Protein backbone atom coordinates (compact mmCIF):
# COMPACT_ATOMS: atom_id res chain seq x y z
CA MET A 1 -9.13 -14.99 15.12
CA ALA A 2 -12.07 -14.05 17.32
CA LEU A 3 -13.32 -10.49 17.44
CA VAL A 4 -12.74 -8.48 20.62
CA PRO A 5 -15.73 -8.29 22.99
CA VAL A 6 -17.69 -5.05 22.79
CA ALA A 7 -20.56 -3.47 24.70
CA GLU A 8 -24.10 -4.46 23.71
CA ASP A 9 -24.92 -0.92 22.58
CA ALA A 10 -22.18 -1.14 19.92
CA LYS A 11 -24.77 -2.80 17.68
CA THR A 12 -26.78 0.43 17.62
CA LYS A 13 -23.92 2.46 16.17
CA SER A 14 -23.77 3.31 12.50
CA TYR A 15 -20.20 2.03 12.21
CA TYR A 16 -20.93 -1.39 13.76
CA LYS A 17 -20.73 -2.90 10.26
CA TYR A 18 -16.98 -2.24 10.22
CA TYR A 19 -16.54 -4.35 13.34
CA GLU A 20 -18.81 -7.08 12.07
CA GLN A 21 -16.99 -7.46 8.76
CA GLY A 22 -13.75 -8.41 10.51
CA ILE A 23 -10.33 -7.31 9.38
CA ALA A 24 -8.50 -6.83 6.10
CA SER A 25 -5.58 -9.22 6.38
CA PRO A 26 -2.06 -8.21 5.42
CA THR A 27 -0.50 -10.22 2.63
CA PRO A 28 1.58 -13.35 3.32
CA GLU A 29 4.52 -11.43 1.84
CA GLN A 30 4.19 -8.75 4.51
CA PHE A 31 4.23 -11.27 7.34
CA ALA A 32 7.16 -13.07 5.71
CA MET A 33 9.08 -9.80 5.80
CA VAL A 34 8.62 -9.66 9.56
CA ASP A 35 10.35 -13.04 9.92
CA GLN A 36 13.41 -11.58 8.18
CA SER A 37 13.25 -8.18 9.84
CA LYS A 38 16.12 -8.16 12.33
CA GLY A 39 18.53 -5.42 11.26
CA LYS A 40 21.96 -4.17 12.20
CA VAL A 41 22.91 -1.18 14.32
CA GLU A 42 24.66 0.48 11.38
CA ASP A 43 21.35 0.54 9.48
CA CYS A 44 19.33 2.00 12.36
CA LEU A 45 17.77 5.46 12.32
CA GLU A 46 19.06 6.81 15.62
CA ILE A 47 16.58 8.88 17.58
CA GLU A 48 18.90 11.91 17.36
CA ASP A 49 18.36 11.78 13.56
CA ARG A 50 14.56 11.52 13.79
CA ASN A 51 13.98 14.58 11.60
CA LYS A 52 15.06 12.47 8.62
CA LEU A 53 11.52 11.08 8.77
CA LEU A 54 10.33 14.43 7.40
CA GLU A 55 12.45 14.22 4.27
CA PRO A 56 10.28 13.61 1.17
CA GLU A 57 10.28 10.34 -0.77
CA THR A 58 12.39 8.53 1.82
CA THR A 59 12.21 5.75 4.39
CA TYR A 60 14.70 5.63 7.25
CA PRO A 61 15.64 2.88 7.83
CA GLU A 62 15.07 1.76 4.27
CA LYS A 63 13.56 -1.61 5.22
CA LEU A 64 10.77 -2.58 7.58
CA GLY A 65 12.33 -4.19 10.63
CA PHE A 66 13.78 -3.80 14.09
CA TYR A 67 17.24 -2.50 14.85
CA PRO A 68 19.43 -2.13 17.91
CA THR A 69 20.46 1.46 18.56
CA LYS A 70 24.05 2.43 19.24
CA ASP A 71 23.41 2.99 22.97
CA GLY A 72 21.38 -0.13 23.73
CA GLY A 73 17.85 0.84 22.81
CA LEU A 74 15.72 -0.63 20.05
CA LEU A 75 14.02 0.83 16.98
CA VAL A 76 10.96 -0.88 15.47
CA ALA A 77 10.18 0.51 12.00
CA GLY A 78 7.08 -0.22 9.92
CA ASN A 79 6.31 0.98 6.40
CA ILE A 80 2.72 0.30 5.31
CA PRO A 81 1.23 1.40 1.97
CA MET A 82 -2.05 3.25 2.51
CA PRO A 83 -2.99 4.33 -1.01
CA ASP A 84 -6.65 5.01 -0.21
CA VAL A 85 -6.24 7.57 2.57
CA THR A 86 -5.28 11.22 2.82
CA ALA A 87 -3.64 13.28 5.55
CA ASP A 88 -7.00 14.95 6.29
CA MET A 89 -8.54 11.54 6.93
CA LEU A 90 -5.71 10.51 9.22
CA TYR A 91 -5.76 13.68 11.32
CA TRP A 92 -9.55 13.36 11.67
CA TRP A 93 -9.25 9.70 12.64
CA PHE A 94 -6.71 10.28 15.39
CA ALA A 95 -8.98 12.95 16.90
CA TRP A 96 -12.28 11.10 16.36
CA HIS A 97 -11.59 7.52 17.37
CA GLY A 98 -10.45 8.36 20.90
CA LEU A 99 -13.91 9.63 21.83
CA ASP A 100 -15.46 6.15 21.83
CA ALA A 101 -13.73 2.90 22.72
CA PHE A 102 -15.78 1.09 20.08
CA ARG A 103 -14.26 3.30 17.40
CA TYR A 104 -10.89 1.93 18.47
CA ALA A 105 -12.28 -1.60 18.04
CA ILE A 106 -13.29 -1.07 14.40
CA TRP A 107 -9.69 -0.06 13.66
CA ASP A 108 -8.52 -3.59 14.52
CA PRO A 109 -11.44 -5.73 15.70
CA GLU A 110 -9.17 -8.66 16.58
CA ASP A 111 -6.67 -6.82 18.80
CA HIS A 112 -8.08 -3.50 20.10
CA PHE A 113 -9.82 -4.29 23.38
CA GLY A 114 -10.33 -0.86 24.92
CA LEU A 115 -9.47 2.83 25.06
CA GLU A 116 -9.86 5.62 27.59
CA LEU A 117 -9.28 9.27 26.68
CA ASP A 118 -8.42 11.76 29.41
CA GLU A 119 -10.80 14.70 29.94
CA ALA A 120 -8.37 17.31 28.60
CA GLY A 121 -7.98 15.28 25.41
CA ARG A 122 -11.74 14.89 25.08
CA GLN A 123 -12.37 18.60 25.42
CA ARG A 124 -9.66 19.38 22.90
CA ALA A 125 -10.99 16.87 20.35
CA LEU A 126 -14.48 18.39 20.62
CA ASP A 127 -13.35 22.02 20.44
CA PRO A 128 -14.17 23.24 16.89
CA SER A 129 -11.70 26.11 17.22
CA ILE A 130 -8.70 23.77 17.38
CA PRO A 131 -7.29 22.72 13.99
CA MET A 132 -7.66 19.04 13.19
CA ASN A 133 -3.92 18.42 13.11
CA GLU A 134 -3.58 19.82 16.66
CA LYS A 135 -6.48 18.03 18.37
CA THR A 136 -4.37 15.21 19.82
CA TRP A 137 -1.73 17.51 21.33
CA GLY A 138 -1.65 16.97 25.08
CA ALA A 139 -4.16 14.10 24.96
CA THR A 140 -3.51 10.82 26.78
CA HIS A 141 -4.95 7.61 25.32
CA THR A 142 -4.82 4.59 27.62
CA VAL A 143 -5.45 1.57 25.41
CA GLN A 144 -5.77 -2.17 25.88
CA GLU A 145 -4.48 -4.08 22.89
CA SER A 146 -2.75 -7.25 21.86
CA ILE A 147 0.58 -7.10 20.06
CA GLY A 148 0.84 -10.84 19.66
CA GLY A 149 -0.17 -12.10 23.10
CA PRO A 150 -2.68 -11.23 25.83
CA ALA A 151 -4.04 -7.70 25.80
CA GLN A 152 -1.83 -5.24 27.63
CA GLU A 153 -2.07 -1.60 28.63
CA ILE A 154 -0.30 1.04 26.58
CA VAL A 155 -0.37 4.69 27.64
CA LEU A 156 0.08 7.14 24.75
CA MET A 157 0.86 10.73 25.75
CA PHE A 158 0.53 12.73 22.53
CA GLN A 159 2.44 15.96 22.07
CA ASN A 160 3.03 18.82 19.69
CA PRO A 161 5.73 17.48 17.33
CA ALA A 162 7.71 20.70 17.82
CA ASP A 163 7.97 19.89 21.54
CA MET A 164 9.32 16.46 20.57
CA GLY A 165 12.17 18.08 18.66
CA TYR A 166 10.70 17.80 15.16
CA ASP A 167 11.15 20.48 12.50
CA VAL A 168 7.47 21.13 11.83
CA SER A 169 8.31 23.62 9.06
CA ARG A 170 8.77 20.57 6.83
CA LEU A 171 5.21 19.33 7.31
CA GLY A 172 2.82 19.91 4.43
CA LYS A 173 5.63 20.16 1.91
CA ASP A 174 6.75 17.79 -0.84
CA GLY A 175 4.14 15.17 0.06
CA VAL A 176 5.07 14.97 3.76
CA ASP A 177 1.53 15.54 4.95
CA PHE A 178 0.83 13.90 8.32
CA MET A 179 2.54 13.43 11.67
CA VAL A 180 1.60 12.40 15.21
CA CYS A 181 4.01 11.59 18.02
CA CYS A 182 4.04 10.74 21.69
CA ASN A 183 5.91 9.38 24.62
CA ALA A 184 4.39 6.03 25.61
CA LEU A 185 4.52 3.41 28.34
CA LEU A 186 4.24 -0.18 27.17
CA GLY A 187 2.81 -3.06 29.17
CA ASP A 188 3.21 -4.11 32.78
CA MET A 189 6.88 -3.16 32.73
CA LYS A 190 5.88 0.37 31.61
CA MET A 191 8.66 0.32 29.08
CA PRO A 192 9.25 3.86 27.79
CA VAL A 193 8.76 4.25 24.05
CA VAL A 194 8.87 7.21 21.66
CA MET A 195 6.25 6.71 18.95
CA THR A 196 6.37 8.78 15.78
CA GLU A 197 4.03 8.19 12.85
CA VAL A 198 4.40 9.97 9.52
CA ALA A 199 2.45 9.59 6.29
CA LYS A 200 3.93 10.78 3.02
CA LYS A 201 3.87 10.09 -0.69
CA ILE A 202 6.54 7.73 -1.99
CA ASN A 203 6.43 7.18 -5.75
CA GLY A 204 2.97 8.71 -5.66
CA VAL A 205 1.60 6.28 -3.03
CA MET A 206 0.72 7.37 0.50
CA THR A 207 2.93 5.36 2.85
CA PHE A 208 2.50 5.19 6.61
CA GLN A 209 5.81 5.11 8.45
CA ALA A 210 5.68 4.16 12.15
CA ARG A 211 8.81 4.39 14.27
CA PHE A 212 9.00 3.10 17.86
CA TRP A 213 12.18 3.88 19.78
CA VAL A 214 11.94 1.41 22.66
CA GLY A 215 13.61 2.47 25.90
CA TYR A 216 13.43 6.22 25.17
CA HIS A 217 11.37 9.28 25.99
CA ILE A 218 11.72 12.81 24.68
CA VAL A 219 12.29 15.11 27.67
CA ASP A 220 12.35 18.88 27.12
CA GLY A 221 12.80 18.28 23.39
CA GLU A 222 15.78 15.94 23.82
CA PRO A 223 15.89 12.14 23.55
CA LYS A 224 16.77 10.26 26.73
CA LEU A 225 17.50 6.55 26.95
CA LEU A 226 15.67 5.61 30.15
CA VAL A 227 15.90 1.82 29.79
CA PRO A 228 18.55 0.15 27.57
CA ALA A 229 15.94 -2.31 26.31
CA ALA A 230 18.23 -4.34 24.06
CA LYS A 231 20.58 -4.89 27.02
CA VAL A 232 18.20 -5.61 29.88
CA ILE A 233 15.64 -7.77 28.04
CA PRO A 234 16.81 -11.23 26.88
CA GLU A 235 17.44 -11.25 23.14
CA ALA A 236 14.72 -13.78 22.31
CA GLU A 237 12.12 -11.81 24.29
CA CYS A 238 13.27 -8.53 22.74
CA ASP A 239 12.91 -10.04 19.27
CA MET A 240 9.44 -11.33 20.14
CA ILE A 241 8.29 -7.89 21.34
CA ALA A 242 9.68 -6.22 18.22
CA LYS A 243 8.07 -8.72 15.85
CA GLY A 244 4.78 -8.41 17.72
CA LEU A 245 4.85 -4.62 17.33
CA LEU A 246 5.66 -4.95 13.63
CA CYS A 247 2.93 -7.48 12.92
CA HIS A 248 0.36 -5.45 14.82
CA ASN A 249 1.37 -2.25 13.06
CA ILE A 250 1.02 -3.86 9.63
CA LYS A 251 -2.30 -5.41 10.57
CA GLU A 252 -3.99 -2.33 12.04
CA PHE A 253 -2.93 0.08 9.31
CA THR A 254 -3.74 -2.33 6.49
CA ASN A 255 -7.25 -2.53 7.91
CA LEU A 256 -7.44 1.23 8.49
CA ASN A 257 -6.59 1.80 4.82
CA LYS A 258 -9.68 -0.28 4.00
CA VAL A 259 -12.20 1.23 6.41
CA LEU A 260 -11.10 4.84 6.90
CA PRO A 261 -12.24 6.31 3.56
CA LYS A 262 -15.76 4.99 4.16
CA VAL A 263 -15.90 5.90 7.85
CA TYR A 264 -14.62 9.40 7.09
CA ALA A 265 -17.22 9.95 4.37
CA GLU A 266 -20.03 8.77 6.63
CA GLU A 267 -19.01 10.09 10.05
CA LYS A 268 -16.76 13.12 9.65
CA GLU A 269 -19.40 15.49 11.02
CA ASN A 270 -20.54 13.11 13.77
CA TRP A 271 -18.44 13.71 16.86
C-alpha cells in the first residue's frame, strides 16, 4: 500500500526514518483469524463487566473477534502481542504522539492521515507536573484514519479510567500495567463507541487488549447504549466495520511494537 501523504517539513524530523521504512506487517495467520472472528452473544464481554479487563493473565473474550452484545450493540476485541514494549513506553507514546500529526503517521504510515489535539490536551501533555499516565485525561484527539476504506474522522475523548467506571486500584498490580480509555465518535455517522485499551503480561508476554463497544458511551460512570448498532446497521455492513477495526488494530499495534522501543529511546525527552 502507498504511504499517507505528509507535510514537506516531515523530512526534517529525526523520526522521519520510521515513516520512510513503511510498516511491519501482521502475519498471515493474524489476518486469517479476522476472517473467522464473528462470535456469539454468549461469549461477549458485556460492557457492564468491563472491569474483567483488569484481571491478570486473562483475555475477555478469550478470542480475538467481534461479538453482538445482549442489548443490540457490538463488541470488537483485539489481542495483539507486544513483547518489546513496556507500560512506561505506552503511556509516553499516548501523550507524545498527539503533539504532532506526523508522529501519528509513523505509528501506521499506510492508514494514519491526520491528527488534531485540542488545546487543553496539548497543555496537559506538555505540563511536566502531570504524571505520564494521566496526561491524556480530558484530551480530545480528532484523527483521520482508514479502517479498511477511505479515511474517516474519529473523535477520541480520553478520560480518567475511574470516571469511566474502572477499578483503578487494580492497575499496576499482577502485570496489569497500562490503561487508556475514551468515549469516541466514529465516521460520518458519528457512531458512539467506548474504547478501552489495556496492556498486561500473559504468560510473561506483554499483550495489548483493545475493546471497542460500538453503540455505547459511558455517561456519569455508567454505560449507555445510544445506538443499537447491531440492529440498525445491516449485518453485512456491521461485519465489514468490525473486521476493518480488527485488521487496523492488529496492523497499527504490530507496527508500534516494532518502532516504539527505538522512538522512545531516541525521543523521550523531546516534546
